[in-house]
Amino acid sequence: MSEARHAKTVEAGTTDVPPEVLRQVRLIELRTRGWVDSIFGGEYRSIFKGQGMEFTEVREYQPGDEVRFIDWNVTARVGRPHVKQHVEERELTVLLLVDVSGSGQFGTRGRFKSELAAEIAAVLALSAVRNNDRVGLLLFTDRVEHVVPPKKGRRHALRLIRDVLAYRPVGRGTDLAGALEYAGRILAHRAVVFVLSDFLLDRPVRSAPGEAGAGSFEHALRVMAGRHDLVAITVSDNAEETLPAVGLLRLSDPETGEVYVVDTGRKELRVRYSAFRAAERDARQRLFRRLGVDEIEVRTDARYTDALIASFRRRREGSRR
């Protein structure tokens, strides 16, 4: 399918936004505005910096100024040392990659993982536009579903929030590698890329190079992390980590439609499942560390604000060392 034809499919998923979605957008903005203004704005600005320094003016040299900033042409012309003044170029491009696959429609603690991801995306989008940065959106399942190019402004940020909430995906599976590769093609310059996903991929996450199953996901992740500032936000629910002992349980895979009946009364099964999930989490964390990808883990049963702030502050402290 050509990109032009694909774009038509993408836009078809966001028409006729229901009034309840618009109300939800407004509620999210109201609920998160205080956090963005009082907390996230400062944390965001302190760790996500611009792409260089911009020249502003020349002034006379003062004791303590760095010699490397002396403007020798002006110095020679006026007969006294002068230095160049620079300020940081603050403007950034932020891209939100949001997983809208079937596994996001799960939650046992008051909200679905997809709802939590949408609210975090809202906080990040509003933080970006508050700092006069451009922010864009890419929704993906087993295909790239919907793309909104980066722009500035509150109205644009609210449009992104609306799209995350209202979009009806065509696919159900998860192809993170394809989403990362697509994002790499549309980003002309270095950007801050947030990936919001449960990272329950069609292929298992592996941690060792060349290990079976590592596939294109690891390669795409390495390329993106090498070119951009990549942050992974892992969204999970406590019920995914352990099986409850409730006897026979009928489970449906939201991404494949397959139905399973498991006997959760078997202790061996529950232990094996917990060990498998722990191994997958450990493999994902090792892979992220090895590739230099920051990871923020959030859960449907905990305050995501605490996790975001703690991660931002760790990142800021790390950059000072």
Foldseek 3Di string as FASTA:
>chain_A
DDPVVLQVQQVVQQPPQDPVLVVVLVVLCVVCVVCLVPPVLVLVQLQDAADAKDWDDKDFDDPPDDPVQWDVVVCVVVVGTIGIDIDTPGEAEEEEEEEPAQQQQDADAPDGLLVVLLSVLLSVLVSNLVSVYWYWYWYDFLATRYTGGTDHDPVVSSVRSSCSRRGDGPAHHHDVLNVLVVVVVVDPAAHEYEYEEQPPHPFFQAADPPPPRPPSVLVSLLVNVVGYQYEYEHEEEPCQQFPDQPAWDWDADRRPRDIDIDGSVDPVVRVVSNVVVVVSVVRVVNSCVVSVYHYFYDYPNDDSSVRVSVSSVVSSVVVVD
